[in-house]
Amino acid sequence: MKIVTRFIVILAVAIVVAVLILRETAKQRQETQAPAPAEKPRGFVPPYYADVRGVPIPKTLPPEQFKVVKTRASYRVAGEIPQVLMQLPCYCWCDRIDHKSLLDCFVDNHGEYCGICQDSALWADERLKERASAETIRQEIVAHYSREYGRR
């Protein structure tokens, strides 16, 4: 009887873990979808630099120090297009830890653990390759995240 009870408990735990993993995977897929076309933003927009002229560009962490492919790619992007990321807000609300733009998420290990930071940086890189301006990319990010993430 003890063996059956242990089996049922182990099976129940496995089912709970599987459900949690599926939920997280679905959430990550939803976060990586492309932002909607630009629309008028609502509410508070996190900080960013509208003009980066004369603003010192902080050094980002080297991408090689990260093992996860998406993390490495986002840190690579941050190192390649820092002036663009400085012109973008970050909707994980890291301004609470004194970040002034999306770029600040990649000067320390904050961006390693944040899907919003990574997705925003990779989106910016993709759109920049399509010749979108930093202002257009900013409008798209604001439109996408302001619907999903109100001020917390």
N, C-alpha and C. Protein backbone atom coordinates (compact mmCIF):
# COMPACT_ATOMS: atom_id res chain seq x y z
N MET A 1 0.81 -1.20 0.00
CA MET A 1 0.00 0.00 0.00
C MET A 1 0.86 1.27 0.00
N LYS A 2 2.01 1.22 0.75
CA LYS A 2 2.90 2.38 0.79
C LYS A 2 3.48 2.68 -0.58
N ILE A 3 3.76 1.65 -1.34
CA ILE A 3 4.32 1.84 -2.68
C ILE A 3 3.31 2.54 -3.57
N VAL A 4 2.05 2.16 -3.51
CA VAL A 4 0.99 2.79 -4.32
C VAL A 4 0.83 4.24 -3.91
N THR A 5 0.84 4.52 -2.62
CA THR A 5 0.71 5.90 -2.14
C THR A 5 1.89 6.74 -2.62
N ARG A 6 3.10 6.23 -2.50
CA ARG A 6 4.27 6.96 -2.99
C ARG A 6 4.18 7.22 -4.49
N PHE A 7 3.75 6.23 -5.22
CA PHE A 7 3.60 6.37 -6.67
C PHE A 7 2.60 7.48 -6.99
N ILE A 8 1.47 7.50 -6.30
CA ILE A 8 0.44 8.52 -6.55
C ILE A 8 0.98 9.91 -6.21
N VAL A 9 1.71 10.04 -5.11
CA VAL A 9 2.28 11.33 -4.73
C VAL A 9 3.30 11.78 -5.77
N ILE A 10 4.17 10.88 -6.18
CA ILE A 10 5.18 11.23 -7.19
C ILE A 10 4.51 11.61 -8.51
N LEU A 11 3.48 10.88 -8.90
CA LEU A 11 2.76 11.19 -10.12
C LEU A 11 2.09 12.55 -10.03
N ALA A 12 1.48 12.87 -8.89
CA ALA A 12 0.83 14.17 -8.70
C ALA A 12 1.85 15.31 -8.78
N VAL A 13 3.00 15.14 -8.17
CA VAL A 13 4.05 16.16 -8.23
C VAL A 13 4.53 16.33 -9.67
N ALA A 14 4.71 15.24 -10.37
CA ALA A 14 5.16 15.32 -11.77
C ALA A 14 4.14 16.06 -12.62
N ILE A 15 2.86 15.84 -12.39
CA ILE A 15 1.81 16.53 -13.16
C ILE A 15 1.84 18.02 -12.86
N VAL A 16 1.99 18.40 -11.59
CA VAL A 16 2.04 19.81 -11.22
C VAL A 16 3.25 20.48 -11.88
N VAL A 17 4.40 19.84 -11.84
CA VAL A 17 5.60 20.40 -12.46
C VAL A 17 5.40 20.55 -13.97
N ALA A 18 4.81 19.56 -14.60
CA ALA A 18 4.57 19.64 -16.05
C ALA A 18 3.64 20.79 -16.39
N VAL A 19 2.60 20.99 -15.60
CA VAL A 19 1.66 22.10 -15.85
C VAL A 19 2.38 23.43 -15.69
N LEU A 20 3.20 23.57 -14.66
CA LEU A 20 3.94 24.82 -14.46
C LEU A 20 4.90 25.09 -15.62
N ILE A 21 5.57 24.07 -16.10
CA ILE A 21 6.49 24.23 -17.23
C ILE A 21 5.72 24.64 -18.49
N LEU A 22 4.59 24.02 -18.73
CA LEU A 22 3.78 24.37 -19.91
C LEU A 22 3.29 25.81 -19.83
N ARG A 23 2.88 26.25 -18.66
CA ARG A 23 2.43 27.64 -18.49
C ARG A 23 3.57 28.61 -18.78
N GLU A 24 4.75 28.33 -18.23
CA GLU A 24 5.89 29.20 -18.44
C GLU A 24 6.29 29.24 -19.92
N THR A 25 6.27 28.10 -20.57
CA THR A 25 6.59 28.03 -22.00
C THR A 25 5.60 28.85 -22.82
N ALA A 26 4.32 28.74 -22.49
CA ALA A 26 3.30 29.51 -23.21
C ALA A 26 3.51 31.00 -22.98
N LYS A 27 3.86 31.39 -21.76
CA LYS A 27 4.09 32.80 -21.46
C LYS A 27 5.30 33.31 -22.24
N GLN A 28 6.37 32.52 -22.32
CA GLN A 28 7.56 32.93 -23.05
C GLN A 28 7.27 33.07 -24.54
N ARG A 29 6.47 32.17 -25.10
CA ARG A 29 6.10 32.28 -26.52
C ARG A 29 5.32 33.56 -26.75
N GLN A 30 4.42 33.88 -25.85
CA GLN A 30 3.61 35.09 -26.00
C GLN A 30 4.49 36.33 -25.92
N GLU A 31 5.49 36.32 -25.02
CA GLU A 31 6.38 37.47 -24.89
C GLU A 31 7.26 37.68 -26.10
N THR A 32 7.59 36.61 -26.83
CA THR A 32 8.50 36.74 -27.96
C THR A 32 7.78 37.10 -29.26
N GLN A 33 6.46 37.18 -29.22
CA GLN A 33 5.74 37.58 -30.42
C GLN A 33 6.06 39.04 -30.72
N ALA A 34 6.06 39.39 -31.97
CA ALA A 34 6.40 40.74 -32.39
C ALA A 34 5.41 41.75 -31.82
N PRO A 35 5.92 42.91 -31.40
CA PRO A 35 5.02 43.95 -30.94
C PRO A 35 4.06 44.39 -32.04
N ALA A 36 2.91 44.85 -31.64
CA ALA A 36 1.90 45.33 -32.58
C ALA A 36 2.40 46.62 -33.23
N PRO A 37 1.80 47.00 -34.35
CA PRO A 37 2.18 48.27 -34.98
C PRO A 37 2.02 49.43 -34.00
N ALA A 38 2.80 50.47 -34.25
CA ALA A 38 2.80 51.61 -33.35
C ALA A 38 1.40 52.20 -33.19
N GLU A 39 1.10 52.52 -31.96
CA GLU A 39 -0.15 53.21 -31.65
C GLU A 39 0.15 54.16 -30.51
N LYS A 40 -0.78 55.01 -30.21
CA LYS A 40 -0.56 55.99 -29.17
C LYS A 40 -0.40 55.30 -27.82
N PRO A 41 0.74 55.51 -27.13
CA PRO A 41 0.95 54.85 -25.85
C PRO A 41 0.01 55.39 -24.78
N ARG A 42 -0.30 54.49 -23.82
CA ARG A 42 -1.15 54.90 -22.71
C ARG A 42 -0.33 54.83 -21.43
N GLY A 43 -0.56 55.79 -20.55
CA GLY A 43 0.04 55.72 -19.23
C GLY A 43 1.52 56.01 -19.20
N PHE A 44 2.11 55.57 -18.13
CA PHE A 44 3.52 55.81 -17.85
C PHE A 44 4.43 55.04 -18.79
N VAL A 45 5.48 55.71 -19.27
CA VAL A 45 6.50 55.07 -20.09
C VAL A 45 7.80 55.11 -19.29
N PRO A 46 8.45 53.97 -19.12
CA PRO A 46 9.72 53.95 -18.39
C PRO A 46 10.76 54.86 -19.04
N PRO A 47 11.82 55.22 -18.30
CA PRO A 47 12.79 56.18 -18.83
C PRO A 47 13.60 55.66 -20.02
N TYR A 48 14.03 56.61 -20.84
CA TYR A 48 14.90 56.36 -21.97
C TYR A 48 15.51 57.70 -22.36
N TYR A 49 16.54 57.67 -23.18
CA TYR A 49 17.16 58.89 -23.66
C TYR A 49 16.56 59.25 -25.02
N ALA A 50 15.92 60.39 -25.11
CA ALA A 50 15.39 60.85 -26.39
C ALA A 50 16.54 61.30 -27.30
N ASP A 51 17.59 61.81 -26.70
CA ASP A 51 18.76 62.27 -27.45
C ASP A 51 20.00 61.75 -26.73
N VAL A 52 20.79 60.97 -27.40
CA VAL A 52 21.96 60.36 -26.77
C VAL A 52 23.25 61.14 -27.00
N ARG A 53 23.15 62.23 -27.76
CA ARG A 53 24.36 63.02 -28.01
C ARG A 53 24.94 63.53 -26.70
N GLY A 54 26.23 63.26 -26.50
CA GLY A 54 26.92 63.73 -25.31
C GLY A 54 26.71 62.86 -24.07
N VAL A 55 25.88 61.83 -24.18
CA VAL A 55 25.64 60.94 -23.04
C VAL A 55 26.68 59.82 -23.09
N PRO A 56 27.41 59.61 -21.99
CA PRO A 56 28.39 58.51 -21.98
C PRO A 56 27.69 57.16 -22.20
N ILE A 57 28.30 56.32 -23.02
CA ILE A 57 27.73 55.01 -23.31
C ILE A 57 28.36 53.99 -22.36
N PRO A 58 27.54 53.40 -21.48
CA PRO A 58 28.12 52.41 -20.57
C PRO A 58 28.54 51.14 -21.30
N LYS A 59 29.54 50.47 -20.76
CA LYS A 59 30.03 49.23 -21.35
C LYS A 59 29.15 48.07 -20.89
N THR A 60 28.77 47.24 -21.84
CA THR A 60 27.94 46.07 -21.53
C THR A 60 28.82 44.88 -21.18
N LEU A 61 28.24 43.90 -20.52
CA LEU A 61 28.98 42.68 -20.19
C LEU A 61 29.25 41.89 -21.48
N PRO A 62 30.35 41.17 -21.52
CA PRO A 62 30.67 40.40 -22.73
C PRO A 62 29.70 39.22 -22.91
N PRO A 63 29.16 39.06 -24.11
CA PRO A 63 28.20 37.99 -24.34
C PRO A 63 28.77 36.60 -24.12
N GLU A 64 30.07 36.44 -24.29
CA GLU A 64 30.69 35.12 -24.18
C GLU A 64 30.55 34.53 -22.78
N GLN A 65 30.27 35.36 -21.79
CA GLN A 65 30.20 34.83 -20.43
C GLN A 65 28.86 34.15 -20.13
N PHE A 66 27.94 34.19 -21.09
CA PHE A 66 26.62 33.60 -20.89
C PHE A 66 26.48 32.32 -21.70
N LYS A 67 25.90 31.31 -21.10
CA LYS A 67 25.76 30.01 -21.76
C LYS A 67 24.47 29.90 -22.56
N VAL A 68 23.40 30.55 -22.10
CA VAL A 68 22.10 30.45 -22.77
C VAL A 68 22.15 31.26 -24.07
N VAL A 69 21.75 30.64 -25.16
CA VAL A 69 21.88 31.25 -26.49
C VAL A 69 21.15 32.59 -26.59
N LYS A 70 19.92 32.64 -26.13
CA LYS A 70 19.13 33.88 -26.22
C LYS A 70 19.79 34.98 -25.38
N THR A 71 20.27 34.63 -24.21
CA THR A 71 20.95 35.61 -23.35
C THR A 71 22.20 36.13 -24.03
N ARG A 72 23.00 35.23 -24.57
CA ARG A 72 24.23 35.62 -25.27
C ARG A 72 23.90 36.54 -26.44
N ALA A 73 22.86 36.20 -27.18
CA ALA A 73 22.47 37.02 -28.34
C ALA A 73 22.03 38.41 -27.91
N SER A 74 21.28 38.51 -26.82
CA SER A 74 20.81 39.82 -26.38
C SER A 74 21.97 40.69 -25.88
N TYR A 75 22.93 40.09 -25.18
CA TYR A 75 24.10 40.85 -24.75
C TYR A 75 24.97 41.25 -25.94
N ARG A 76 25.03 40.39 -26.97
CA ARG A 76 25.77 40.75 -28.20
C ARG A 76 25.13 41.97 -28.84
N VAL A 77 23.80 41.94 -28.95
CA VAL A 77 23.07 43.06 -29.54
C VAL A 77 23.33 44.34 -28.75
N ALA A 78 23.27 44.23 -27.42
CA ALA A 78 23.49 45.41 -26.58
C ALA A 78 24.87 46.01 -26.82
N GLY A 79 25.87 45.16 -27.02
CA GLY A 79 27.21 45.65 -27.31
C GLY A 79 27.34 46.25 -28.70
N GLU A 80 26.52 45.78 -29.64
CA GLU A 80 26.61 46.25 -31.03
C GLU A 80 25.81 47.53 -31.28
N ILE A 81 24.66 47.68 -30.61
CA ILE A 81 23.81 48.85 -30.88
C ILE A 81 23.44 49.59 -29.58
N PRO A 82 24.46 49.95 -28.79
CA PRO A 82 24.16 50.57 -27.49
C PRO A 82 23.38 51.88 -27.60
N GLN A 83 23.70 52.69 -28.61
CA GLN A 83 23.02 53.98 -28.73
C GLN A 83 21.53 53.81 -29.03
N VAL A 84 21.18 52.76 -29.74
CA VAL A 84 19.76 52.50 -30.01
C VAL A 84 19.07 52.05 -28.72
N LEU A 85 19.69 51.12 -27.99
CA LEU A 85 19.07 50.64 -26.75
C LEU A 85 18.95 51.74 -25.71
N MET A 86 19.83 52.72 -25.75
CA MET A 86 19.71 53.86 -24.82
C MET A 86 18.45 54.67 -25.11
N GLN A 87 17.96 54.59 -26.33
CA GLN A 87 16.77 55.35 -26.72
C GLN A 87 15.47 54.57 -26.51
N LEU A 88 15.57 53.40 -25.85
CA LEU A 88 14.40 52.55 -25.65
C LEU A 88 14.11 52.36 -24.17
N PRO A 89 12.83 52.39 -23.80
CA PRO A 89 12.47 52.11 -22.41
C PRO A 89 12.46 50.61 -22.16
N CYS A 90 12.54 50.23 -20.90
CA CYS A 90 12.45 48.82 -20.55
C CYS A 90 11.24 48.61 -19.65
N TYR A 91 10.37 47.74 -20.08
CA TYR A 91 9.11 47.52 -19.39
C TYR A 91 9.16 46.48 -18.27
N CYS A 92 10.34 46.11 -17.82
CA CYS A 92 10.40 45.27 -16.62
C CYS A 92 10.46 46.16 -15.38
N TRP A 93 10.40 47.45 -15.62
CA TRP A 93 10.38 48.46 -14.55
C TRP A 93 11.67 48.48 -13.75
N CYS A 94 12.76 48.26 -14.43
CA CYS A 94 14.06 48.29 -13.77
C CYS A 94 14.49 49.72 -13.44
N ASP A 95 13.69 50.71 -13.83
CA ASP A 95 13.99 52.07 -13.40
C ASP A 95 13.96 52.16 -11.88
N ARG A 96 13.30 51.21 -11.24
CA ARG A 96 13.28 51.16 -9.77
C ARG A 96 14.66 50.83 -9.20
N ILE A 97 15.52 50.25 -10.03
CA ILE A 97 16.90 50.01 -9.59
C ILE A 97 17.84 50.96 -10.32
N ASP A 98 17.30 52.11 -10.68
CA ASP A 98 18.05 53.23 -11.25
C ASP A 98 18.50 53.03 -12.69
N HIS A 99 17.90 52.12 -13.43
CA HIS A 99 18.20 52.01 -14.85
C HIS A 99 17.54 53.17 -15.59
N LYS A 100 18.26 53.72 -16.55
CA LYS A 100 17.78 54.90 -17.29
C LYS A 100 17.32 54.57 -18.70
N SER A 101 17.55 53.33 -19.14
CA SER A 101 17.13 52.90 -20.48
C SER A 101 17.31 51.39 -20.56
N LEU A 102 16.90 50.82 -21.69
CA LEU A 102 17.06 49.39 -21.91
C LEU A 102 18.53 48.97 -21.86
N LEU A 103 19.43 49.82 -22.32
CA LEU A 103 20.86 49.45 -22.33
C LEU A 103 21.36 49.11 -20.93
N ASP A 104 20.89 49.82 -19.92
CA ASP A 104 21.37 49.59 -18.55
C ASP A 104 21.13 48.16 -18.08
N CYS A 105 20.17 47.48 -18.67
CA CYS A 105 19.89 46.09 -18.29
C CYS A 105 21.03 45.15 -18.67
N PHE A 106 21.91 45.60 -19.56
CA PHE A 106 22.98 44.76 -20.06
C PHE A 106 24.36 45.18 -19.59
N VAL A 107 24.43 46.18 -18.70
CA VAL A 107 25.72 46.57 -18.14
C VAL A 107 26.02 45.74 -16.89
N ASP A 108 25.01 45.02 -16.42
CA ASP A 108 25.19 44.08 -15.31
C ASP A 108 24.45 42.79 -15.69
N ASN A 109 24.23 41.91 -14.75
CA ASN A 109 23.61 40.64 -15.10
C ASN A 109 22.09 40.67 -15.06
N HIS A 110 21.49 41.84 -14.91
CA HIS A 110 20.02 41.95 -14.88
C HIS A 110 19.40 41.35 -16.14
N GLY A 111 19.95 41.67 -17.30
CA GLY A 111 19.40 41.19 -18.56
C GLY A 111 19.50 39.68 -18.74
N GLU A 112 20.36 39.05 -17.96
CA GLU A 112 20.52 37.60 -18.05
C GLU A 112 19.24 36.88 -17.63
N TYR A 113 18.51 37.46 -16.70
CA TYR A 113 17.35 36.80 -16.11
C TYR A 113 16.02 37.41 -16.53
N CYS A 114 16.03 38.36 -17.42
CA CYS A 114 14.79 39.07 -17.74
C CYS A 114 14.40 38.90 -19.21
N GLY A 115 13.31 38.19 -19.43
CA GLY A 115 12.82 37.96 -20.79
C GLY A 115 12.37 39.24 -21.48
N ILE A 116 11.83 40.17 -20.72
CA ILE A 116 11.38 41.44 -21.32
C ILE A 116 12.59 42.20 -21.88
N CYS A 117 13.66 42.27 -21.12
CA CYS A 117 14.87 42.96 -21.58
C CYS A 117 15.43 42.28 -22.83
N GLN A 118 15.54 40.97 -22.76
CA GLN A 118 16.10 40.23 -23.89
C GLN A 118 15.23 40.38 -25.13
N ASP A 119 13.92 40.20 -24.98
CA ASP A 119 13.02 40.30 -26.13
C ASP A 119 13.06 41.69 -26.74
N SER A 120 13.11 42.72 -25.90
CA SER A 120 13.14 44.09 -26.41
C SER A 120 14.42 44.36 -27.19
N ALA A 121 15.55 43.90 -26.66
CA ALA A 121 16.83 44.11 -27.36
C ALA A 121 16.86 43.36 -28.69
N LEU A 122 16.41 42.12 -28.68
CA LEU A 122 16.41 41.33 -29.93
C LEU A 122 15.42 41.90 -30.94
N TRP A 123 14.28 42.40 -30.47
CA TRP A 123 13.32 43.05 -31.35
C TRP A 123 13.94 44.30 -31.98
N ALA A 124 14.63 45.09 -31.17
CA ALA A 124 15.27 46.30 -31.68
C ALA A 124 16.29 45.96 -32.76
N ASP A 125 17.07 44.92 -32.54
CA ASP A 125 18.07 44.51 -33.52
C ASP A 125 17.40 44.10 -34.84
N GLU A 126 16.36 43.31 -34.72
CA GLU A 126 15.63 42.86 -35.91
C GLU A 126 15.04 44.04 -36.69
N ARG A 127 14.41 44.95 -35.97
CA ARG A 127 13.78 46.11 -36.62
C ARG A 127 14.83 47.06 -37.21
N LEU A 128 15.97 47.19 -36.53
CA LEU A 128 17.03 48.05 -37.04
C LEU A 128 17.55 47.50 -38.37
N LYS A 129 17.65 46.18 -38.47
CA LYS A 129 18.08 45.56 -39.72
C LYS A 129 17.07 45.80 -40.83
N GLU A 130 15.81 46.04 -40.45
CA GLU A 130 14.77 46.38 -41.43
C GLU A 130 14.71 47.89 -41.69
N ARG A 131 15.70 48.59 -41.15
CA ARG A 131 15.87 50.03 -41.34
C ARG A 131 14.84 50.89 -40.59
N ALA A 132 14.29 50.37 -39.52
CA ALA A 132 13.41 51.17 -38.66
C ALA A 132 14.28 52.09 -37.81
N SER A 133 13.77 53.26 -37.52
CA SER A 133 14.51 54.21 -36.68
C SER A 133 14.35 53.84 -35.21
N ALA A 134 15.22 54.39 -34.38
CA ALA A 134 15.12 54.16 -32.94
C ALA A 134 13.77 54.66 -32.43
N GLU A 135 13.32 55.78 -32.96
CA GLU A 135 12.02 56.33 -32.54
C GLU A 135 10.87 55.38 -32.89
N THR A 136 10.90 54.81 -34.08
CA THR A 136 9.86 53.86 -34.48
C THR A 136 9.90 52.61 -33.60
N ILE A 137 11.10 52.10 -33.35
CA ILE A 137 11.24 50.92 -32.51
C ILE A 137 10.70 51.23 -31.12
N ARG A 138 11.03 52.42 -30.60
CA ARG A 138 10.53 52.82 -29.28
C ARG A 138 9.01 52.85 -29.26
N GLN A 139 8.41 53.42 -30.28
CA GLN A 139 6.94 53.49 -30.35
C GLN A 139 6.33 52.09 -30.38
N GLU A 140 6.96 51.19 -31.11
CA GLU A 140 6.45 49.81 -31.18
C GLU A 140 6.54 49.10 -29.83
N ILE A 141 7.67 49.28 -29.16
CA ILE A 141 7.85 48.65 -27.85
C ILE A 141 6.87 49.22 -26.84
N VAL A 142 6.72 50.54 -26.84
CA VAL A 142 5.77 51.18 -25.92
C VAL A 142 4.36 50.69 -26.20
N ALA A 143 3.98 50.63 -27.46
CA ALA A 143 2.63 50.18 -27.81
C ALA A 143 2.41 48.73 -27.36
N HIS A 144 3.41 47.90 -27.55
CA HIS A 144 3.28 46.49 -27.19
C HIS A 144 3.18 46.30 -25.68
N TYR A 145 4.13 46.85 -24.96
CA TYR A 145 4.22 46.59 -23.53
C TYR A 145 3.28 47.44 -22.69
N SER A 146 2.90 48.62 -23.15
CA SER A 146 2.02 49.45 -22.33
C SER A 146 0.64 48.80 -22.19
N ARG A 147 0.26 48.00 -23.15
CA ARG A 147 -1.02 47.26 -23.05
C ARG A 147 -0.89 46.14 -22.04
N GLU A 148 0.25 45.46 -22.08
CA GLU A 148 0.44 44.25 -21.30
C GLU A 148 0.88 44.52 -19.87
N TYR A 149 1.76 45.51 -19.71
CA TYR A 149 2.36 45.76 -18.41
C TYR A 149 2.12 47.20 -17.99
N GLY A 150 1.09 47.43 -17.23
CA GLY A 150 0.88 48.75 -16.67
C GLY A 150 1.88 49.00 -15.57
N ARG A 151 1.94 50.20 -15.07
CA ARG A 151 2.88 50.53 -13.99
C ARG A 151 2.60 49.61 -12.80
N ARG A 152 3.62 48.91 -12.37
CA ARG A 152 3.46 47.96 -11.26
C ARG A 152 3.80 48.62 -9.95
